[in-house]
Amino acid sequence: MTAVNVPIPKSQSLKQWTVEDYHRMADLGLLDPTERTELLAGQVTLMAAKGTPHVTALRLLATQLDSLLANEPVFVSTQDPIQLDNRSEPEPDLALIQGTVLDYADQHPRPEQVVLVVEVADSTLRQDCEVKDKLYAQAGIADYWVVDLPHRQLHIFRDPTPTGYTRHLILTEPNFVAPLAFPNCRLALMVILPPAN
């Protein structure tokens, strides 16, 4: 798989880190353990701080999916790494992963084991919809959602290609959504969005 090409000014060049490099940096204490980071297209990126609406939306969504998919061969993973390729190891807000937690005792989930990826966006909408969407599409993630908190919308990306997703649907309340792999698992947007102020 190819990593997304991030435009870099001609006067600069950036070191492209691998997942192995990234883990070594963490092991050697080169990454501040108090700062949350992820590896995106070979670049170590600081993750945005999570506000209360972000945390609330993530808990609501995780609780709903846990309940609705309790008897399915998947589990809900929140803010844990998935390895897309040798240069990207994001930590999505939520992912539905095949199997059980113990299946991943020795390695992070890979794209073929990921059923759904969800990012919750308050201040990160542009990155989630214009950078991460390409990384997830190139990795072959079939179902990618972005919960847009400021606009109370859900962006749904499907049909991945090497250049991005070919389908991008935006839902508003009072619509329902279901993971592509579990069409009977219907979620109301009003149930996964924090109450409006």
N, C-alpha and C. Protein backbone atom coordinates (compact mmCIF):
# COMPACT_ATOMS: atom_id res chain seq x y z
N MET A 1 0.83 -1.17 0.00
CA MET A 1 0.00 0.00 0.00
C MET A 1 0.88 1.24 0.00
N THR A 2 0.41 2.27 -0.64
CA THR A 2 1.18 3.50 -0.67
C THR A 2 0.65 4.45 0.38
N ALA A 3 1.57 5.25 0.92
CA ALA A 3 1.17 6.25 1.91
C ALA A 3 0.68 7.48 1.18
N VAL A 4 -0.17 8.25 1.85
CA VAL A 4 -0.70 9.48 1.25
C VAL A 4 0.44 10.47 1.07
N ASN A 5 0.46 11.19 -0.03
CA ASN A 5 1.48 12.20 -0.28
C ASN A 5 1.03 13.52 0.30
N VAL A 6 1.73 13.99 1.32
CA VAL A 6 1.44 15.28 1.93
C VAL A 6 2.29 16.32 1.24
N PRO A 7 1.66 17.40 0.69
CA PRO A 7 2.47 18.41 -0.01
C PRO A 7 3.46 19.08 0.94
N ILE A 8 4.72 19.12 0.53
CA ILE A 8 5.79 19.72 1.34
C ILE A 8 6.43 20.82 0.50
N PRO A 9 6.63 22.02 1.08
CA PRO A 9 7.30 23.09 0.33
C PRO A 9 8.65 22.61 -0.18
N LYS A 10 9.05 23.05 -1.38
CA LYS A 10 10.29 22.59 -2.00
C LYS A 10 11.51 22.94 -1.17
N SER A 11 11.41 23.97 -0.34
CA SER A 11 12.56 24.36 0.47
C SER A 11 12.75 23.46 1.68
N GLN A 12 11.80 22.54 1.92
CA GLN A 12 11.88 21.67 3.09
C GLN A 12 11.80 20.21 2.67
N SER A 13 12.40 19.37 3.47
CA SER A 13 12.17 17.95 3.31
C SER A 13 12.01 17.37 4.72
N LEU A 14 11.13 16.42 4.85
CA LEU A 14 10.83 15.83 6.14
C LEU A 14 11.21 14.37 6.14
N LYS A 15 11.73 13.90 7.26
CA LYS A 15 12.05 12.50 7.42
C LYS A 15 10.76 11.70 7.46
N GLN A 16 10.70 10.63 6.68
CA GLN A 16 9.55 9.74 6.67
C GLN A 16 9.83 8.60 7.65
N TRP A 17 9.11 8.57 8.76
CA TRP A 17 9.31 7.54 9.78
C TRP A 17 8.49 6.31 9.45
N THR A 18 9.01 5.15 9.84
CA THR A 18 8.26 3.89 9.71
C THR A 18 7.59 3.58 11.04
N VAL A 19 6.69 2.62 11.03
CA VAL A 19 6.06 2.18 12.27
C VAL A 19 7.12 1.66 13.24
N GLU A 20 8.12 0.95 12.71
CA GLU A 20 9.21 0.44 13.56
C GLU A 20 9.98 1.60 14.20
N ASP A 21 10.31 2.63 13.41
CA ASP A 21 10.97 3.83 13.95
C ASP A 21 10.14 4.45 15.06
N TYR A 22 8.86 4.57 14.80
CA TYR A 22 7.92 5.21 15.73
C TYR A 22 7.89 4.47 17.06
N HIS A 23 7.82 3.15 17.01
CA HIS A 23 7.81 2.35 18.24
C HIS A 23 9.15 2.48 18.97
N ARG A 24 10.24 2.51 18.21
CA ARG A 24 11.56 2.65 18.83
C ARG A 24 11.68 4.00 19.53
N MET A 25 11.18 5.07 18.92
CA MET A 25 11.20 6.39 19.55
C MET A 25 10.45 6.37 20.88
N ALA A 26 9.30 5.70 20.89
CA ALA A 26 8.53 5.60 22.13
C ALA A 26 9.29 4.80 23.19
N ASP A 27 9.89 3.68 22.77
CA ASP A 27 10.64 2.83 23.71
C ASP A 27 11.83 3.57 24.31
N LEU A 28 12.47 4.44 23.51
CA LEU A 28 13.64 5.18 23.98
C LEU A 28 13.28 6.44 24.75
N GLY A 29 11.99 6.74 24.87
CA GLY A 29 11.56 7.92 25.59
C GLY A 29 11.70 9.21 24.80
N LEU A 30 11.83 9.10 23.47
CA LEU A 30 11.96 10.29 22.64
C LEU A 30 10.62 10.98 22.42
N LEU A 31 9.54 10.26 22.64
CA LEU A 31 8.21 10.85 22.56
C LEU A 31 7.71 11.11 23.97
N ASP A 32 7.21 12.29 24.20
CA ASP A 32 6.71 12.67 25.53
C ASP A 32 5.48 11.82 25.86
N PRO A 33 5.54 11.01 26.90
CA PRO A 33 4.40 10.13 27.21
C PRO A 33 3.15 10.89 27.62
N THR A 34 3.29 12.18 27.95
CA THR A 34 2.10 12.97 28.32
C THR A 34 1.41 13.54 27.08
N GLU A 35 2.04 13.42 25.91
CA GLU A 35 1.44 13.91 24.68
C GLU A 35 0.97 12.73 23.84
N ARG A 36 -0.28 12.80 23.37
CA ARG A 36 -0.80 11.73 22.52
C ARG A 36 -0.37 12.00 21.09
N THR A 37 0.25 10.99 20.48
CA THR A 37 0.72 11.11 19.10
C THR A 37 0.20 9.94 18.28
N GLU A 38 0.29 10.10 16.97
CA GLU A 38 0.01 9.00 16.05
C GLU A 38 0.90 9.20 14.83
N LEU A 39 1.13 8.12 14.11
CA LEU A 39 1.97 8.17 12.91
C LEU A 39 1.06 8.18 11.69
N LEU A 40 1.13 9.29 10.91
CA LEU A 40 0.30 9.45 9.72
C LEU A 40 1.19 9.72 8.52
N ALA A 41 1.18 8.82 7.56
CA ALA A 41 1.96 8.99 6.33
C ALA A 41 3.42 9.31 6.63
N GLY A 42 3.99 8.63 7.62
CA GLY A 42 5.40 8.79 7.94
C GLY A 42 5.73 9.96 8.84
N GLN A 43 4.72 10.71 9.29
CA GLN A 43 4.95 11.88 10.14
C GLN A 43 4.33 11.64 11.52
N VAL A 44 5.10 11.95 12.57
CA VAL A 44 4.59 11.86 13.93
C VAL A 44 3.75 13.12 14.17
N THR A 45 2.48 12.90 14.49
CA THR A 45 1.52 13.99 14.60
C THR A 45 0.95 14.05 16.01
N LEU A 46 0.88 15.26 16.57
CA LEU A 46 0.24 15.45 17.86
C LEU A 46 -1.27 15.37 17.68
N MET A 47 -1.93 14.69 18.59
CA MET A 47 -3.38 14.57 18.53
C MET A 47 -4.01 15.72 19.32
N ALA A 48 -5.14 16.21 18.83
CA ALA A 48 -5.83 17.32 19.48
C ALA A 48 -6.40 16.89 20.82
N ALA A 49 -6.45 17.83 21.74
CA ALA A 49 -7.07 17.57 23.03
C ALA A 49 -8.56 17.32 22.84
N LYS A 50 -9.13 16.48 23.69
CA LYS A 50 -10.54 16.13 23.57
C LYS A 50 -11.37 16.95 24.54
N GLY A 51 -12.36 17.67 24.02
CA GLY A 51 -13.28 18.41 24.87
C GLY A 51 -14.40 17.51 25.36
N THR A 52 -15.23 18.05 26.21
CA THR A 52 -16.33 17.28 26.79
C THR A 52 -17.29 16.74 25.73
N PRO A 53 -17.72 17.54 24.72
CA PRO A 53 -18.61 16.98 23.71
C PRO A 53 -17.98 15.79 22.96
N HIS A 54 -16.68 15.88 22.70
CA HIS A 54 -15.96 14.79 22.01
C HIS A 54 -16.04 13.52 22.84
N VAL A 55 -15.71 13.63 24.12
CA VAL A 55 -15.72 12.47 25.01
C VAL A 55 -17.14 11.90 25.12
N THR A 56 -18.13 12.77 25.24
CA THR A 56 -19.52 12.32 25.36
C THR A 56 -19.97 11.58 24.11
N ALA A 57 -19.69 12.14 22.93
CA ALA A 57 -20.09 11.49 21.68
C ALA A 57 -19.43 10.12 21.53
N LEU A 58 -18.16 10.05 21.87
CA LEU A 58 -17.44 8.78 21.76
C LEU A 58 -18.04 7.73 22.71
N ARG A 59 -18.34 8.13 23.94
CA ARG A 59 -18.94 7.18 24.89
C ARG A 59 -20.32 6.73 24.44
N LEU A 60 -21.12 7.67 23.91
CA LEU A 60 -22.46 7.31 23.43
C LEU A 60 -22.36 6.31 22.29
N LEU A 61 -21.49 6.57 21.33
CA LEU A 61 -21.34 5.69 20.18
C LEU A 61 -20.82 4.31 20.60
N ALA A 62 -19.79 4.29 21.44
CA ALA A 62 -19.22 3.02 21.89
C ALA A 62 -20.25 2.19 22.65
N THR A 63 -21.04 2.85 23.51
CA THR A 63 -22.06 2.14 24.29
C THR A 63 -23.12 1.54 23.37
N GLN A 64 -23.58 2.32 22.38
CA GLN A 64 -24.59 1.83 21.44
C GLN A 64 -24.07 0.62 20.64
N LEU A 65 -22.85 0.75 20.09
CA LEU A 65 -22.30 -0.35 19.30
C LEU A 65 -22.04 -1.58 20.15
N ASP A 66 -21.53 -1.39 21.37
CA ASP A 66 -21.31 -2.53 22.27
C ASP A 66 -22.61 -3.29 22.49
N SER A 67 -23.68 -2.55 22.72
CA SER A 67 -24.97 -3.17 23.01
C SER A 67 -25.55 -3.86 21.77
N LEU A 68 -25.55 -3.17 20.64
CA LEU A 68 -26.17 -3.70 19.43
C LEU A 68 -25.39 -4.86 18.80
N LEU A 69 -24.07 -4.89 19.03
CA LEU A 69 -23.24 -5.92 18.39
C LEU A 69 -22.68 -6.93 19.39
N ALA A 70 -23.32 -7.03 20.55
CA ALA A 70 -22.82 -7.91 21.61
C ALA A 70 -22.67 -9.36 21.17
N ASN A 71 -23.50 -9.82 20.25
CA ASN A 71 -23.45 -11.22 19.83
C ASN A 71 -22.73 -11.42 18.50
N GLU A 72 -22.07 -10.39 18.01
CA GLU A 72 -21.35 -10.48 16.75
C GLU A 72 -19.86 -10.73 16.99
N PRO A 73 -19.15 -11.28 16.01
CA PRO A 73 -17.72 -11.61 16.20
C PRO A 73 -16.80 -10.41 16.02
N VAL A 74 -17.14 -9.30 16.70
CA VAL A 74 -16.34 -8.07 16.65
C VAL A 74 -16.30 -7.47 18.05
N PHE A 75 -15.35 -6.54 18.24
CA PHE A 75 -15.34 -5.78 19.49
C PHE A 75 -15.08 -4.31 19.17
N VAL A 76 -15.50 -3.46 20.10
CA VAL A 76 -15.34 -2.02 19.95
C VAL A 76 -14.01 -1.62 20.59
N SER A 77 -13.17 -0.98 19.81
CA SER A 77 -11.88 -0.49 20.29
C SER A 77 -11.94 1.04 20.28
N THR A 78 -11.55 1.67 21.37
CA THR A 78 -11.58 3.13 21.43
C THR A 78 -10.18 3.68 21.66
N GLN A 79 -9.77 4.58 20.77
CA GLN A 79 -8.52 5.32 20.85
C GLN A 79 -7.30 4.41 20.97
N ASP A 80 -7.34 3.30 20.23
CA ASP A 80 -6.23 2.35 20.20
C ASP A 80 -5.65 2.31 18.77
N PRO A 81 -4.36 1.97 18.65
CA PRO A 81 -3.72 1.98 17.33
C PRO A 81 -4.24 0.89 16.40
N ILE A 82 -4.25 1.22 15.11
CA ILE A 82 -4.38 0.23 14.05
C ILE A 82 -3.25 0.52 13.07
N GLN A 83 -2.63 -0.53 12.56
CA GLN A 83 -1.51 -0.33 11.64
C GLN A 83 -2.02 -0.45 10.21
N LEU A 84 -2.04 0.70 9.50
CA LEU A 84 -2.55 0.72 8.13
C LEU A 84 -1.53 0.19 7.15
N ASP A 85 -0.28 0.57 7.33
CA ASP A 85 0.83 0.14 6.47
C ASP A 85 2.11 0.40 7.24
N ASN A 86 3.25 0.41 6.56
CA ASN A 86 4.53 0.59 7.23
C ASN A 86 4.79 2.03 7.67
N ARG A 87 3.95 2.98 7.25
CA ARG A 87 4.17 4.39 7.59
C ARG A 87 2.99 5.07 8.27
N SER A 88 1.95 4.32 8.59
CA SER A 88 0.78 4.91 9.24
C SER A 88 0.23 4.00 10.33
N GLU A 89 0.17 4.56 11.53
CA GLU A 89 -0.43 3.86 12.66
C GLU A 89 -1.29 4.85 13.44
N PRO A 90 -2.47 5.18 12.89
CA PRO A 90 -3.35 6.12 13.58
C PRO A 90 -4.00 5.48 14.80
N GLU A 91 -4.56 6.32 15.64
CA GLU A 91 -5.33 5.87 16.80
C GLU A 91 -6.73 6.45 16.68
N PRO A 92 -7.57 5.84 15.85
CA PRO A 92 -8.91 6.39 15.65
C PRO A 92 -9.70 6.42 16.94
N ASP A 93 -10.66 7.33 17.00
CA ASP A 93 -11.49 7.42 18.20
C ASP A 93 -12.20 6.11 18.47
N LEU A 94 -12.66 5.46 17.41
CA LEU A 94 -13.35 4.18 17.59
C LEU A 94 -13.11 3.31 16.35
N ALA A 95 -12.98 2.03 16.59
CA ALA A 95 -12.90 1.07 15.48
C ALA A 95 -13.64 -0.19 15.89
N LEU A 96 -14.31 -0.79 14.92
CA LEU A 96 -14.88 -2.12 15.10
C LEU A 96 -13.89 -3.10 14.52
N ILE A 97 -13.44 -4.03 15.36
CA ILE A 97 -12.38 -4.96 14.99
C ILE A 97 -12.91 -6.38 15.01
N GLN A 98 -12.52 -7.18 14.03
CA GLN A 98 -12.91 -8.59 13.98
C GLN A 98 -12.26 -9.36 15.13
N GLY A 99 -12.98 -10.37 15.62
CA GLY A 99 -12.42 -11.26 16.64
C GLY A 99 -12.60 -10.73 18.05
N THR A 100 -11.62 -11.06 18.89
CA THR A 100 -11.65 -10.64 20.30
C THR A 100 -10.38 -9.86 20.61
N VAL A 101 -10.38 -9.21 21.74
CA VAL A 101 -9.22 -8.43 22.18
C VAL A 101 -7.97 -9.30 22.22
N LEU A 102 -8.11 -10.54 22.67
CA LEU A 102 -6.94 -11.42 22.81
C LEU A 102 -6.33 -11.81 21.48
N ASP A 103 -7.08 -11.67 20.39
CA ASP A 103 -6.52 -11.95 19.07
C ASP A 103 -5.41 -10.96 18.70
N TYR A 104 -5.32 -9.85 19.43
CA TYR A 104 -4.36 -8.80 19.10
C TYR A 104 -3.36 -8.56 20.23
N ALA A 105 -3.05 -9.63 20.95
CA ALA A 105 -2.09 -9.52 22.05
C ALA A 105 -0.67 -9.27 21.53
N ASP A 106 -0.37 -9.68 20.30
CA ASP A 106 0.98 -9.57 19.75
C ASP A 106 1.15 -8.52 18.66
N GLN A 107 0.06 -7.98 18.16
CA GLN A 107 0.16 -6.97 17.10
C GLN A 107 -1.12 -6.14 17.08
N HIS A 108 -1.01 -4.93 16.54
CA HIS A 108 -2.19 -4.08 16.37
C HIS A 108 -3.00 -4.59 15.19
N PRO A 109 -4.31 -4.32 15.19
CA PRO A 109 -5.13 -4.73 14.05
C PRO A 109 -4.62 -4.13 12.74
N ARG A 110 -4.81 -4.89 11.66
CA ARG A 110 -4.44 -4.47 10.30
C ARG A 110 -5.73 -4.15 9.54
N PRO A 111 -5.64 -3.48 8.40
CA PRO A 111 -6.85 -3.06 7.68
C PRO A 111 -7.85 -4.18 7.40
N GLU A 112 -7.36 -5.35 7.04
CA GLU A 112 -8.28 -6.45 6.71
C GLU A 112 -9.06 -6.95 7.92
N GLN A 113 -8.66 -6.54 9.13
CA GLN A 113 -9.34 -6.94 10.35
C GLN A 113 -10.25 -5.84 10.90
N VAL A 114 -10.27 -4.70 10.23
CA VAL A 114 -11.03 -3.53 10.70
C VAL A 114 -12.34 -3.43 9.91
N VAL A 115 -13.45 -3.44 10.61
CA VAL A 115 -14.77 -3.40 10.00
C VAL A 115 -15.25 -1.96 9.80
N LEU A 116 -14.94 -1.08 10.77
CA LEU A 116 -15.40 0.31 10.74
C LEU A 116 -14.40 1.16 11.49
N VAL A 117 -14.13 2.35 10.98
CA VAL A 117 -13.31 3.35 11.69
C VAL A 117 -14.16 4.60 11.86
N VAL A 118 -14.10 5.19 13.06
CA VAL A 118 -14.84 6.43 13.34
C VAL A 118 -13.90 7.44 13.99
N GLU A 119 -13.91 8.65 13.48
CA GLU A 119 -13.24 9.77 14.12
C GLU A 119 -14.31 10.75 14.59
N VAL A 120 -14.13 11.31 15.77
CA VAL A 120 -15.03 12.34 16.29
C VAL A 120 -14.31 13.67 16.13
N ALA A 121 -14.95 14.59 15.42
CA ALA A 121 -14.30 15.86 15.08
C ALA A 121 -15.01 17.03 15.75
N ASP A 122 -14.25 17.76 16.54
CA ASP A 122 -14.72 19.06 16.99
C ASP A 122 -13.85 20.12 16.32
N SER A 123 -12.53 20.02 16.51
CA SER A 123 -11.62 20.97 15.85
C SER A 123 -10.80 20.30 14.74
N THR A 124 -11.04 19.03 14.45
CA THR A 124 -10.20 18.28 13.51
C THR A 124 -10.93 17.86 12.23
N LEU A 125 -12.04 18.51 11.92
CA LEU A 125 -12.86 18.06 10.79
C LEU A 125 -12.08 18.04 9.48
N ARG A 126 -11.30 19.07 9.23
CA ARG A 126 -10.56 19.12 7.96
C ARG A 126 -9.56 17.96 7.86
N GLN A 127 -8.80 17.72 8.92
CA GLN A 127 -7.83 16.62 8.89
C GLN A 127 -8.54 15.27 8.74
N ASP A 128 -9.65 15.11 9.45
CA ASP A 128 -10.36 13.83 9.40
C ASP A 128 -10.98 13.57 8.03
N CYS A 129 -11.47 14.63 7.36
CA CYS A 129 -12.16 14.48 6.08
C CYS A 129 -11.27 14.66 4.86
N GLU A 130 -10.06 15.23 5.05
CA GLU A 130 -9.22 15.51 3.89
C GLU A 130 -7.84 14.86 3.94
N VAL A 131 -7.44 14.35 5.09
CA VAL A 131 -6.15 13.66 5.21
C VAL A 131 -6.37 12.21 5.62
N LYS A 132 -7.02 12.03 6.77
CA LYS A 132 -7.21 10.66 7.25
C LYS A 132 -8.10 9.84 6.32
N ASP A 133 -9.07 10.50 5.66
CA ASP A 133 -9.92 9.74 4.75
C ASP A 133 -9.09 9.07 3.66
N LYS A 134 -8.08 9.76 3.15
CA LYS A 134 -7.24 9.17 2.10
C LYS A 134 -6.40 8.02 2.63
N LEU A 135 -5.87 8.18 3.84
CA LEU A 135 -5.09 7.10 4.45
C LEU A 135 -5.95 5.85 4.64
N TYR A 136 -7.16 6.04 5.18
CA TYR A 136 -8.04 4.89 5.41
C TYR A 136 -8.48 4.27 4.09
N ALA A 137 -8.76 5.10 3.08
CA ALA A 137 -9.16 4.57 1.77
C ALA A 137 -8.03 3.77 1.14
N GLN A 138 -6.82 4.31 1.16
CA GLN A 138 -5.68 3.61 0.57
C GLN A 138 -5.41 2.28 1.27
N ALA A 139 -5.74 2.21 2.55
CA ALA A 139 -5.55 0.97 3.30
C ALA A 139 -6.68 -0.03 3.04
N GLY A 140 -7.75 0.42 2.35
CA GLY A 140 -8.86 -0.47 2.04
C GLY A 140 -9.92 -0.56 3.11
N ILE A 141 -9.95 0.39 4.05
CA ILE A 141 -11.00 0.40 5.07
C ILE A 141 -12.32 0.71 4.36
N ALA A 142 -13.27 -0.22 4.40
CA ALA A 142 -14.49 -0.09 3.60
C ALA A 142 -15.49 0.91 4.16
N ASP A 143 -15.43 1.17 5.45
CA ASP A 143 -16.46 2.00 6.10
C ASP A 143 -15.77 2.95 7.07
N TYR A 144 -15.84 4.25 6.78
CA TYR A 144 -15.19 5.28 7.61
C TYR A 144 -16.20 6.38 7.89
N TRP A 145 -16.37 6.70 9.19
CA TRP A 145 -17.31 7.75 9.60
C TRP A 145 -16.56 8.87 10.31
N VAL A 146 -17.06 10.08 10.14
CA VAL A 146 -16.57 11.23 10.90
C VAL A 146 -17.78 11.89 11.55
N VAL A 147 -17.81 11.91 12.87
CA VAL A 147 -18.87 12.58 13.62
C VAL A 147 -18.48 14.05 13.72
N ASP A 148 -19.21 14.90 13.03
CA ASP A 148 -18.95 16.34 12.96
C ASP A 148 -19.77 17.01 14.05
N LEU A 149 -19.14 17.25 15.20
CA LEU A 149 -19.87 17.79 16.34
C LEU A 149 -20.38 19.21 16.14
N PRO A 150 -19.57 20.15 15.63
CA PRO A 150 -20.08 21.52 15.50
C PRO A 150 -21.32 21.64 14.61
N HIS A 151 -21.38 20.81 13.56
CA HIS A 151 -22.50 20.90 12.62
C HIS A 151 -23.55 19.82 12.85
N ARG A 152 -23.31 18.96 13.85
CA ARG A 152 -24.24 17.89 14.21
C ARG A 152 -24.57 17.04 12.97
N GLN A 153 -23.50 16.58 12.31
CA GLN A 153 -23.63 15.78 11.11
C GLN A 153 -22.75 14.53 11.23
N LEU A 154 -23.04 13.58 10.37
CA LEU A 154 -22.19 12.39 10.27
C LEU A 154 -21.75 12.25 8.82
N HIS A 155 -20.43 12.27 8.60
CA HIS A 155 -19.86 12.05 7.28
C HIS A 155 -19.59 10.55 7.15
N ILE A 156 -20.08 9.95 6.07
CA ILE A 156 -19.88 8.53 5.83
C ILE A 156 -19.09 8.38 4.53
N PHE A 157 -17.95 7.71 4.63
CA PHE A 157 -17.08 7.48 3.47
C PHE A 157 -17.07 5.99 3.17
N ARG A 158 -17.34 5.65 1.90
CA ARG A 158 -17.35 4.24 1.49
C ARG A 158 -16.78 4.09 0.09
N ASP A 159 -16.58 2.86 -0.32
CA ASP A 159 -16.01 2.51 -1.63
C ASP A 159 -14.59 3.07 -1.77
N PRO A 160 -13.64 2.51 -1.02
CA PRO A 160 -12.27 3.01 -1.06
C PRO A 160 -11.55 2.67 -2.36
N THR A 161 -10.67 3.58 -2.78
CA THR A 161 -9.78 3.37 -3.93
C THR A 161 -8.40 3.85 -3.50
N PRO A 162 -7.36 3.63 -4.30
CA PRO A 162 -6.03 4.11 -3.94
C PRO A 162 -5.92 5.64 -3.86
N THR A 163 -6.90 6.36 -4.40
CA THR A 163 -6.83 7.83 -4.34
C THR A 163 -7.84 8.43 -3.37
N GLY A 164 -8.68 7.62 -2.76
CA GLY A 164 -9.67 8.13 -1.80
C GLY A 164 -10.97 7.37 -1.93
N TYR A 165 -11.96 7.80 -1.16
CA TYR A 165 -13.28 7.17 -1.21
C TYR A 165 -14.08 7.76 -2.37
N THR A 166 -14.89 6.92 -3.02
CA THR A 166 -15.72 7.41 -4.12
C THR A 166 -17.11 7.80 -3.66
N ARG A 167 -17.49 7.42 -2.44
CA ARG A 167 -18.79 7.81 -1.88
C ARG A 167 -18.58 8.57 -0.59
N HIS A 168 -19.22 9.74 -0.51
CA HIS A 168 -19.17 10.57 0.70
C HIS A 168 -20.58 11.10 0.92
N LEU A 169 -21.22 10.58 1.96
CA LEU A 169 -22.59 10.96 2.30
C LEU A 169 -22.56 11.73 3.61
N ILE A 170 -23.36 12.77 3.71
CA ILE A 170 -23.46 13.53 4.96
C ILE A 170 -24.89 13.41 5.48
N LEU A 171 -25.03 12.88 6.70
CA LEU A 171 -26.34 12.71 7.32
C LEU A 171 -26.54 13.73 8.43
N THR A 172 -27.79 14.15 8.58
CA THR A 172 -28.16 15.03 9.70
C THR A 172 -29.29 14.35 10.47
N GLU A 173 -29.57 14.88 11.65
CA GLU A 173 -30.69 14.35 12.43
C GLU A 173 -31.99 14.61 11.67
N PRO A 174 -32.98 13.74 11.74
CA PRO A 174 -33.13 12.58 12.61
C PRO A 174 -32.80 11.26 11.90
N ASN A 175 -31.86 11.25 10.98
CA ASN A 175 -31.54 10.06 10.20
C ASN A 175 -30.91 8.96 11.05
N PHE A 176 -30.89 7.77 10.45
CA PHE A 176 -30.27 6.59 11.05
C PHE A 176 -29.08 6.17 10.19
N VAL A 177 -28.15 5.46 10.81
CA VAL A 177 -26.99 4.93 10.10
C VAL A 177 -26.71 3.52 10.62
N ALA A 178 -26.11 2.70 9.77
CA ALA A 178 -25.72 1.34 10.17
C ALA A 178 -24.35 1.06 9.59
N PRO A 179 -23.50 0.36 10.32
CA PRO A 179 -22.21 -0.06 9.74
C PRO A 179 -22.46 -0.90 8.50
N LEU A 180 -21.60 -0.74 7.52
CA LEU A 180 -21.73 -1.47 6.26
C LEU A 180 -21.79 -2.98 6.49
N ALA A 181 -20.99 -3.47 7.41
CA ALA A 181 -20.92 -4.91 7.67
C ALA A 181 -22.10 -5.43 8.50
N PHE A 182 -22.84 -4.52 9.13
CA PHE A 182 -23.96 -4.91 10.00
C PHE A 182 -25.17 -4.02 9.69
N PRO A 183 -25.82 -4.24 8.56
CA PRO A 183 -26.91 -3.35 8.14
C PRO A 183 -28.10 -3.32 9.08
N ASN A 184 -28.25 -4.34 9.92
CA ASN A 184 -29.37 -4.35 10.88
C ASN A 184 -29.05 -3.62 12.17
N CYS A 185 -27.83 -3.15 12.31
CA CYS A 185 -27.41 -2.41 13.51
C CYS A 185 -27.65 -0.92 13.26
N ARG A 186 -28.90 -0.48 13.41
CA ARG A 186 -29.28 0.89 13.09
C ARG A 186 -29.09 1.81 14.29
N LEU A 187 -28.41 2.92 14.04
CA LEU A 187 -28.15 3.92 15.08
C LEU A 187 -28.81 5.23 14.68
N ALA A 188 -29.53 5.85 15.60
CA ALA A 188 -30.09 7.17 15.35
C ALA A 188 -29.03 8.21 15.66
N LEU A 189 -28.87 9.17 14.77
CA LEU A 189 -27.86 10.21 15.01
C LEU A 189 -28.11 10.92 16.33
N MET A 190 -29.38 11.14 16.68
CA MET A 190 -29.68 11.86 17.92
C MET A 190 -29.23 11.09 19.16
N VAL A 191 -29.00 9.79 19.01
CA VAL A 191 -28.57 8.98 20.15
C VAL A 191 -27.05 9.03 20.33
N ILE A 192 -26.31 9.32 19.24
CA ILE A 192 -24.84 9.33 19.36
C ILE A 192 -24.27 10.74 19.41
N LEU A 193 -25.13 11.77 19.25
CA LEU A 193 -24.65 13.15 19.38
C LEU A 193 -25.00 13.68 20.76
N PRO A 194 -24.08 14.43 21.37
CA PRO A 194 -24.40 15.03 22.67
C PRO A 194 -25.58 15.98 22.52
N PRO A 195 -26.32 16.22 23.60
CA PRO A 195 -27.44 17.16 23.51
C PRO A 195 -27.00 18.53 23.01
N ALA A 196 -27.81 19.14 22.16
CA ALA A 196 -27.48 20.47 21.65
C ALA A 196 -27.59 21.49 22.78
N ASN A 197 -26.71 22.48 22.77
CA ASN A 197 -26.76 23.52 23.81
C ASN A 197 -27.92 24.46 23.59
